[in-house]
């Protein structure tokens, strides 16, 4: 797809159209600043417990009090690099004889460093997933001067691999941005076909490294025979920080890690204790608990939104196009005054302002999707908020408020960017 349901062309590097309010990543950062004001107000008056993280991305720092004295870049890695390496190889299915590891400032850093190491200008990168590659892959290929050809599924990949004559890297995504999963047979076939042509396979296994084995009985990533994999420590069963963990064939990881240090993409060494604990504490049982809680929420949302709620085996979502259409219907409007991405962002801001709910719109910069996602919800967060029905009612109420603002888009600009930004627009 290259445009949304309203005919707006997608902006470069992201799977949604930009509008007149959120025109760029710079505006997205202004949106963050506005969100921080709402968070500050709630925390100062009601305490940190008034913020409910429904994004299910863990961006805290799980260090223990007795680790703070050694939380520096000299002592921490000396004590914790080897425990981190052992935990990472166990997590991703590697062996110390064949594989090495690296820790990045975030998963995107691992993806960029991989492309900048293995891809030359003029090369072709083949992306393959059940839908489309994450925008970070798009940007990394462009930064390396390569052409990204994104393919959907095994058959599409086969055609592209045979057609292209300068493929330097295959980027495989097990759990796509749309949360559709590639079957194990297809994953193995991609690896086999790529290796037959001498092309290395890098797996952007952000959440799939845990969801694949826990929910679909798939192997751990390196057990698929891939060359290099990176996963995020903030996703679905891990507890943060927001770092990228890489593991793979020793010589490749060594080269990529060196490039990361040269480019400032490595994680600070004092974070090794937190990374080791996050990996060691991740269990399939926790992943399944998060999915089951999400299904409970999906049932409540289905009662409110019906067929507008889109579901996969592990998550549910309201597409931005549907959010805008529903708001327009409630407002009695026939022409959209904003683009779907802005409607979804406005709904997310209302949820934060009025209920303290954090969604993915306040995690990614820029967001990798325009949808409002319901995924891997922690049962303790849902209970603290008041349950699935209360959560669904909050979304419905905020959608009504969004509808009431559509007739005057200036209200939405102020909501997202603040009055100062709105006055100078």
Foldseek 3Di string as FASTA:
>chain_A
DQADPQRAGPDPLFPYHAWPQCNALVLLVLLLVLLVVLCVVCCVVPNNLLAFEQQLFFADAPDDPVLVVQLALPRLCVPFVVLLFVLLCVLQVHDPVFKTKAKWPALLLLLLLLCLQFDAAAAEEEEEFQPWAFSSNVVSCVVRNYHYDYAHFQVRSVVVVVPDDGHREYEYEQQHPVRDGHDLVSLLVVCVVCVVVPHAYEYADAPVQQCCCLPVVHDRNVVSVHAKYKYFQGHQQFNDNRMIMMMGGHVSNVRSNVSSVVVVGGDRSSSSVRSSCRSVRGDSVLNVQLQVQQVQLVVLLCVVPPPQWDDDSRWIWRALVNLQVVLCVLLVHDDFPITSLLSLSLLQLQCCNPRNYHHQSNPDSNRNHSIGIRGSRDPVSQVSSPHSNSVSVSSVVSSNVSSVCRVPCLVSSCSSNNPVVSVVD
